[in-house]
Amino acid sequence: MIEDELRAAFACLEESTPPVGPVRAAVDRAVVMRRRRRRRVRLAGTALAVAAVALVGFTAMAPRPPAPTVAPLLATPEPEPGGALNVLLLGVDQDAGSRRADSILLVHVPADRSRLYLVSLPRDLLVPIPARGGSEKLNATFSRAPGAGTDLAAGYRTTRQAVARLTGVRVDAGAVLTYPGARELTDAVGGVPVCLPEPVRSVHTERRFPAGCQRLGGAAAVDLLRQRYGLRDGGLDRDRNAARYAAGLLHQLREQGTATDPAQLGRLLLRVGSAVTVDTGDLSLPALVGATSRAGGAEPVALSLPVRIAEEKGHGFEPDPALSPGFLDALRADRLAEWAAAHPAQATALR
């Protein structure tokens, strides 16, 4: 009797239990949506990296992982950050035992978003060491960080601090590129046009780069970016060639529409996404991309911090006492357009 009653009770419960099919379908939909959100975060990181690369061509980098809240923000337009922005981009050699920042560019995005200013800071510029006293070359600040041989983020932070002290401006975001990353990126976009005022011969491979405009593949681009021996102004000329490469990369990305085409961006992610990450600082990804892309519509202007040989030190450079104070004042006050117009000889020809 009791057994029959129990069976009848369970039969009633089974009839009132909802079917499992809709529940399973809801679970499957949640899993798919979660995967899509993760993919949007990865694409967002690559979009910013491409934007940073479009500024100067430097990637691979000093990481601050995107927060989980980034994905919803991408779907909602955000107000652009006001005021000028400064993005630090470092080109780092691939020797993990003694990594140094061989190319250092501060990309200034003016408040009016009229164009980008690529400010080269010489790698051999002597900068003070507050903790120990004395001075060292700017490129050595990268390797001074503990673990910089394997941790690009640590090296980036020490160089960012040195650049902020030197220039007196806030560094809002940044990126780092190793030579293998530059080679992959250049090939991924189909080569980069570079215009050289004089021929260059590689001391590493004997490759010859003629004067004039030419399209470089990944291996050739890295070869050019490494050259300083044999150039008239040594490392200063290498900085100028890095700016020319950056301008060519920006032009290439504009022509292809990569920064605004999700399909092209996805394909680029497959090729170089594993080597690319960026530091957005306190800015959101959409805000930073929006500000830099609007300023990137015009031809960039390449400038260098005016320096002179530090003769009393026997090596390296120091800020030129005649020109650098005015230059740094213009950078801090967001008046680089006026300074460049008054000192046209200090600009690097990009075409």
Protein backbone atom coordinates (compact mmCIF):
# COMPACT_ATOMS: atom_id res chain seq x y z
CA MET A 1 0.00 0.00 0.00
CA ILE A 2 2.71 2.47 1.02
CA GLU A 3 4.72 1.55 -2.09
CA ASP A 4 1.73 2.31 -4.33
CA GLU A 5 1.23 5.69 -2.65
CA LEU A 6 4.91 6.62 -3.13
CA ARG A 7 4.76 5.70 -6.82
CA ALA A 8 1.65 7.81 -7.28
CA ALA A 9 3.36 10.80 -5.56
CA PHE A 10 6.48 10.57 -7.77
CA ALA A 11 4.25 10.31 -10.86
CA CYS A 12 2.60 13.59 -9.91
CA LEU A 13 5.99 15.27 -9.43
CA GLU A 14 7.23 14.06 -12.81
CA GLU A 15 4.19 15.57 -14.51
CA SER A 16 4.85 18.97 -12.87
CA THR A 17 8.61 18.97 -13.68
CA PRO A 18 9.47 21.31 -16.63
CA PRO A 19 11.10 19.70 -19.65
CA VAL A 20 14.93 19.77 -19.63
CA GLY A 21 15.24 20.77 -23.29
CA PRO A 22 14.62 24.53 -22.83
CA VAL A 23 16.91 24.61 -19.77
CA ARG A 24 19.75 22.99 -21.71
CA ALA A 25 19.20 25.40 -24.61
CA ALA A 26 19.42 28.39 -22.22
CA VAL A 27 22.69 27.06 -20.77
CA ASP A 28 24.13 26.60 -24.26
CA ARG A 29 23.17 30.17 -25.21
CA ALA A 30 24.88 31.54 -22.09
CA VAL A 31 28.09 29.66 -22.94
CA VAL A 32 28.10 31.01 -26.51
CA MET A 33 27.51 34.59 -25.32
CA ARG A 34 30.35 34.27 -22.81
CA ARG A 35 32.72 33.09 -25.53
CA ARG A 36 31.68 35.99 -27.76
CA ARG A 37 32.34 38.46 -24.94
CA ARG A 38 35.85 37.03 -24.47
CA ARG A 39 36.49 37.30 -28.21
CA ARG A 40 35.35 40.96 -28.21
CA VAL A 41 37.86 41.70 -25.43
CA ARG A 42 40.68 40.12 -27.46
CA LEU A 43 39.69 42.07 -30.56
CA ALA A 44 39.53 45.26 -28.54
CA GLY A 45 43.08 44.76 -27.30
CA THR A 46 44.26 44.18 -30.84
CA ALA A 47 42.38 47.23 -32.10
CA LEU A 48 44.22 49.44 -29.65
CA ALA A 49 47.51 47.77 -30.44
CA VAL A 50 46.93 48.43 -34.13
CA ALA A 51 46.08 52.02 -33.29
CA ALA A 52 49.29 52.31 -31.27
CA VAL A 53 51.22 50.69 -34.07
CA ALA A 54 49.61 53.11 -36.49
CA LEU A 55 51.06 55.88 -34.39
CA VAL A 56 54.61 54.69 -34.61
CA GLY A 57 54.83 51.08 -35.56
CA PHE A 58 55.89 49.67 -32.22
CA THR A 59 54.25 46.65 -30.45
CA ALA A 60 54.66 43.53 -28.27
CA MET A 61 54.38 45.01 -24.85
CA ALA A 62 53.97 46.26 -21.42
CA PRO A 63 50.85 44.70 -20.23
CA ARG A 64 47.90 45.81 -18.28
CA PRO A 65 45.25 43.13 -19.04
CA PRO A 66 41.87 44.52 -20.17
CA ALA A 67 39.24 44.55 -17.44
CA PRO A 68 36.12 42.43 -17.81
CA THR A 69 34.08 45.62 -18.13
CA VAL A 70 35.78 46.53 -21.42
CA ALA A 71 33.47 44.46 -23.65
CA PRO A 72 30.22 46.27 -22.83
CA LEU A 73 31.98 49.62 -23.16
CA LEU A 74 32.98 48.79 -26.71
CA ALA A 75 29.36 48.62 -27.73
CA THR A 76 28.54 52.00 -26.15
CA PRO A 77 30.19 55.15 -27.57
CA GLU A 78 32.09 57.04 -24.91
CA PRO A 79 33.02 60.70 -24.77
CA GLU A 80 36.55 61.28 -25.96
CA PRO A 81 39.06 62.25 -23.26
CA GLY A 82 39.65 65.98 -23.23
CA GLY A 83 43.06 67.62 -23.42
CA ALA A 84 46.29 66.40 -24.96
CA LEU A 85 47.42 62.78 -24.68
CA ASN A 86 50.91 61.26 -24.72
CA VAL A 87 51.60 57.67 -25.77
CA LEU A 88 55.04 56.15 -25.16
CA LEU A 89 56.22 53.61 -27.75
CA LEU A 90 59.41 51.63 -27.28
CA GLY A 91 61.40 49.55 -29.76
CA VAL A 92 63.31 46.91 -27.81
CA ASP A 93 66.09 44.61 -29.02
CA GLN A 94 65.47 40.86 -28.85
CA ASP A 95 68.45 39.92 -26.69
CA ALA A 96 66.68 38.76 -23.54
CA GLY A 97 69.94 38.91 -21.61
CA SER A 98 70.36 42.69 -21.99
CA ARG A 99 67.19 44.22 -23.37
CA ARG A 100 67.40 47.95 -23.97
CA ALA A 101 64.97 50.43 -25.48
CA ASP A 102 66.75 51.21 -28.75
CA SER A 103 63.97 53.43 -30.13
CA ILE A 104 61.94 55.71 -27.88
CA LEU A 105 59.08 57.75 -29.31
CA LEU A 106 56.58 59.84 -27.43
CA VAL A 107 53.48 60.28 -29.55
CA HIS A 108 51.80 63.58 -28.67
CA VAL A 109 48.08 63.79 -29.49
CA PRO A 110 47.10 67.48 -29.22
CA ALA A 111 43.84 68.54 -27.63
CA ASP A 112 42.45 69.71 -30.99
CA ARG A 113 43.24 66.25 -32.49
CA SER A 114 44.66 68.00 -35.57
CA ARG A 115 47.49 65.52 -36.17
CA LEU A 116 50.02 63.29 -34.41
CA TYR A 117 53.47 64.48 -33.32
CA LEU A 118 56.14 61.75 -33.22
CA VAL A 119 58.73 62.96 -30.72
CA SER A 120 62.00 60.99 -30.82
CA LEU A 121 63.98 60.80 -27.59
CA PRO A 122 67.59 59.71 -28.26
CA ARG A 123 68.51 56.38 -26.72
CA ASP A 124 71.90 57.80 -25.63
CA LEU A 125 70.37 60.77 -23.84
CA LEU A 126 71.77 60.97 -20.31
CA VAL A 127 69.06 61.07 -17.64
CA PRO A 128 69.38 61.31 -13.84
CA ILE A 129 68.99 58.28 -11.58
CA PRO A 130 67.11 59.57 -8.50
CA ALA A 131 67.63 56.41 -6.45
CA ARG A 132 71.39 56.14 -6.93
CA GLY A 133 72.49 59.58 -8.02
CA GLY A 134 74.47 60.19 -11.17
CA SER A 135 73.09 59.54 -14.64
CA GLU A 136 72.67 56.81 -17.25
CA LYS A 137 71.57 56.53 -20.86
CA LEU A 138 67.83 56.59 -21.43
CA ASN A 139 67.88 53.22 -23.20
CA ALA A 140 69.45 51.58 -20.14
CA THR A 141 66.48 52.45 -17.93
CA PHE A 142 64.56 49.58 -19.56
CA SER A 143 67.06 46.92 -18.49
CA ARG A 144 67.53 48.41 -15.02
CA ALA A 145 64.12 47.14 -13.90
CA PRO A 146 64.25 43.80 -12.02
CA GLY A 147 63.30 41.01 -14.39
CA ALA A 148 63.33 43.25 -17.48
CA GLY A 149 65.10 40.52 -19.45
CA THR A 150 61.88 38.52 -19.49
CA ASP A 151 59.28 40.99 -18.20
CA LEU A 152 58.63 43.72 -20.77
CA ALA A 153 56.13 45.37 -18.43
CA ALA A 154 58.79 46.02 -15.79
CA GLY A 155 61.16 47.56 -18.33
CA TYR A 156 58.38 49.69 -19.75
CA ARG A 157 57.47 51.09 -16.35
CA THR A 158 61.01 52.25 -15.52
CA THR A 159 61.44 53.89 -18.94
CA ARG A 160 58.00 55.51 -18.66
CA GLN A 161 59.01 57.04 -15.32
CA ALA A 162 62.29 58.35 -16.79
CA VAL A 163 60.47 59.88 -19.79
CA ALA A 164 57.89 61.54 -17.52
CA ARG A 165 60.66 63.06 -15.39
CA LEU A 166 62.56 64.22 -18.47
CA THR A 167 59.66 65.81 -20.33
CA GLY A 168 57.43 66.87 -17.48
CA VAL A 169 54.33 65.43 -19.18
CA ARG A 170 52.04 62.62 -18.10
CA VAL A 171 52.42 59.40 -20.10
CA ASP A 172 48.83 58.26 -20.67
CA ALA A 173 49.41 54.95 -22.46
CA GLY A 174 52.14 52.98 -24.17
CA ALA A 175 53.38 49.96 -26.07
CA VAL A 176 56.61 48.02 -26.65
CA LEU A 177 57.85 46.28 -29.80
CA THR A 178 60.52 43.62 -30.20
CA TYR A 179 62.16 43.04 -33.58
CA PRO A 180 60.36 39.72 -34.22
CA GLY A 181 57.07 41.51 -33.58
CA ALA A 182 58.00 44.27 -36.05
CA ARG A 183 58.80 41.68 -38.72
CA GLU A 184 55.48 39.86 -38.23
CA LEU A 185 53.47 43.06 -38.26
CA THR A 186 55.16 44.44 -41.39
CA ASP A 187 54.51 41.23 -43.31
CA ALA A 188 50.94 41.05 -42.00
CA VAL A 189 50.06 44.42 -43.54
CA GLY A 190 51.74 43.60 -46.86
CA GLY A 191 54.89 45.64 -46.34
CA VAL A 192 55.48 49.25 -45.30
CA PRO A 193 56.46 52.17 -47.58
CA VAL A 194 59.50 54.08 -46.33
CA CYS A 195 61.07 57.17 -47.91
CA LEU A 196 64.81 57.65 -47.23
CA PRO A 197 66.68 60.91 -47.97
CA GLU A 198 69.98 59.05 -48.37
CA PRO A 199 71.02 55.46 -49.17
CA VAL A 200 71.63 53.12 -46.24
CA ARG A 201 73.84 50.02 -46.20
CA SER A 202 73.22 47.39 -43.54
CA VAL A 203 76.29 46.54 -41.48
CA HIS A 204 74.54 43.31 -40.47
CA THR A 205 73.43 41.85 -43.79
CA GLU A 206 75.05 44.06 -46.49
CA ARG A 207 71.53 44.85 -47.71
CA ARG A 208 71.36 48.20 -49.49
CA PHE A 209 68.46 50.61 -49.14
CA PRO A 210 68.46 53.21 -51.95
CA ALA A 211 67.50 56.81 -51.43
CA GLY A 212 63.85 57.48 -52.22
CA CYS A 213 60.58 55.71 -51.47
CA GLN A 214 60.42 51.91 -51.31
CA ARG A 215 58.20 49.20 -49.82
CA LEU A 216 59.91 47.06 -47.18
CA GLY A 217 58.96 43.56 -46.11
CA GLY A 218 59.34 42.41 -42.53
CA ALA A 219 62.99 41.29 -42.66
CA ALA A 220 64.09 44.41 -44.54
CA ALA A 221 62.17 46.72 -42.21
CA VAL A 222 63.80 45.20 -39.13
CA ASP A 223 67.20 45.43 -40.82
CA LEU A 224 66.68 49.15 -41.45
CA LEU A 225 65.40 49.84 -37.93
CA ARG A 226 68.55 48.27 -36.47
CA GLN A 227 71.00 50.46 -38.42
CA ARG A 228 72.98 53.22 -36.74
CA TYR A 229 76.59 52.50 -37.68
CA GLY A 230 77.54 54.14 -40.94
CA LEU A 231 74.77 56.75 -40.71
CA ARG A 232 75.84 60.38 -40.63
CA ASP A 233 74.24 61.08 -37.24
CA GLY A 234 74.36 57.52 -35.93
CA GLY A 235 71.55 56.75 -33.50
CA LEU A 236 69.83 60.08 -34.24
CA ASP A 237 69.44 59.03 -37.88
CA ARG A 238 68.11 55.67 -36.74
CA ASP A 239 65.43 57.53 -34.76
CA ARG A 240 64.51 59.47 -37.89
CA ASN A 241 64.24 56.26 -39.91
CA ALA A 242 62.01 54.79 -37.20
CA ALA A 243 59.71 57.80 -37.58
CA ARG A 244 59.69 57.30 -41.37
CA TYR A 245 58.77 53.66 -40.89
CA ALA A 246 56.01 54.70 -38.48
CA ALA A 247 54.59 57.17 -40.98
CA GLY A 248 54.64 54.51 -43.68
CA LEU A 249 52.87 52.00 -41.45
CA LEU A 250 50.22 54.57 -40.56
CA HIS A 251 49.70 55.23 -44.27
CA GLN A 252 49.42 51.51 -45.00
CA LEU A 253 46.83 50.92 -42.29
CA ARG A 254 44.84 53.90 -43.50
CA GLU A 255 44.88 52.62 -47.08
CA GLN A 256 43.72 49.16 -46.02
CA GLY A 257 41.13 50.41 -43.54
CA THR A 258 42.41 47.82 -41.06
CA ALA A 259 41.74 49.86 -37.93
CA THR A 260 38.04 50.20 -38.75
CA ASP A 261 37.26 46.91 -40.53
CA PRO A 262 36.44 44.10 -38.05
CA ALA A 263 37.12 41.38 -40.62
CA GLN A 264 40.59 42.69 -41.46
CA LEU A 265 41.26 43.30 -37.79
CA GLY A 266 40.35 39.70 -37.01
CA ARG A 267 42.75 38.41 -39.64
CA LEU A 268 45.52 40.61 -38.28
CA LEU A 269 44.76 39.25 -34.80
CA LEU A 270 45.39 35.72 -36.02
CA ARG A 271 48.84 36.68 -37.29
CA VAL A 272 50.21 39.03 -34.64
CA GLY A 273 47.70 38.95 -31.79
CA SER A 274 49.83 36.69 -29.61
CA ALA A 275 52.70 39.21 -29.74
CA VAL A 276 50.62 42.32 -29.05
CA THR A 277 49.38 43.83 -25.82
CA VAL A 278 49.20 47.43 -24.67
CA ASP A 279 49.03 49.63 -21.60
CA THR A 280 45.99 51.93 -21.74
CA GLY A 281 46.68 53.61 -18.42
CA ASP A 282 43.53 55.18 -16.98
CA LEU A 283 41.86 55.44 -20.39
CA SER A 284 39.33 53.01 -21.81
CA LEU A 285 40.11 51.24 -25.05
CA PRO A 286 37.36 52.96 -27.09
CA ALA A 287 38.32 56.42 -25.80
CA LEU A 288 42.00 56.00 -26.64
CA VAL A 289 41.31 54.51 -30.08
CA GLY A 290 38.86 57.31 -30.86
CA ALA A 291 41.27 60.07 -29.89
CA THR A 292 44.28 58.68 -31.74
CA SER A 293 42.39 57.67 -34.88
CA ARG A 294 40.89 61.14 -35.34
CA ALA A 295 44.31 62.77 -34.96
CA GLY A 296 45.82 60.16 -37.29
CA GLY A 297 43.79 61.38 -40.25
CA ALA A 298 46.39 64.05 -41.11
CA GLU A 299 50.04 63.57 -42.03
CA PRO A 300 52.07 63.20 -38.81
CA VAL A 301 54.89 65.54 -37.87
CA ALA A 302 58.15 63.97 -36.69
CA LEU A 303 60.31 65.94 -34.28
CA SER A 304 63.29 65.15 -32.05
CA LEU A 305 64.21 66.49 -28.66
CA PRO A 306 67.07 68.91 -29.46
CA VAL A 307 70.31 67.54 -27.98
CA ARG A 308 74.05 68.07 -28.07
CA ILE A 309 77.01 65.82 -27.28
CA ALA A 310 77.69 65.71 -23.54
CA GLU A 311 81.41 66.45 -23.93
CA GLU A 312 82.18 66.68 -20.23
CA LYS A 313 80.81 63.15 -19.75
CA GLY A 314 82.75 61.71 -22.66
CA HIS A 315 79.72 59.92 -24.12
CA GLY A 316 76.02 60.31 -24.75
CA PHE A 317 73.84 63.37 -25.28
CA GLU A 318 72.34 66.05 -23.12
CA PRO A 319 69.45 68.44 -23.87
CA ASP A 320 70.53 71.38 -26.04
CA PRO A 321 70.44 74.39 -23.68
CA ALA A 322 69.46 76.73 -26.53
CA LEU A 323 66.55 74.75 -28.03
CA SER A 324 65.36 72.06 -25.64
CA PRO A 325 63.78 74.35 -22.97
CA GLY A 326 61.49 75.94 -25.57
CA PHE A 327 60.71 72.55 -27.10
CA LEU A 328 59.77 71.00 -23.74
CA ASP A 329 57.70 74.06 -22.81
CA ALA A 330 55.79 73.68 -26.09
CA LEU A 331 55.23 69.97 -25.43
CA ARG A 332 53.90 70.60 -21.94
CA ALA A 333 51.69 73.49 -23.09
CA ASP A 334 50.38 71.57 -26.13
CA ARG A 335 51.92 74.08 -28.56
CA LEU A 336 54.10 71.79 -30.69
CA ALA A 337 52.45 73.08 -33.87
CA GLU A 338 53.73 76.58 -33.14
CA TRP A 339 57.20 75.33 -32.21
CA ALA A 340 57.50 73.18 -35.33
CA ALA A 341 56.44 76.13 -37.53
CA ALA A 342 59.11 78.31 -35.90
CA HIS A 343 61.83 75.60 -36.20
CA PRO A 344 61.22 73.80 -39.53
CA ALA A 345 64.82 72.51 -39.62
CA GLN A 346 64.08 70.40 -36.52
CA ALA A 347 61.36 68.35 -38.28
CA THR A 348 62.15 65.02 -39.97
CA ALA A 349 61.12 64.77 -43.63
CA LEU A 350 58.74 61.83 -43.97
CA ARG A 351 58.19 61.97 -47.76
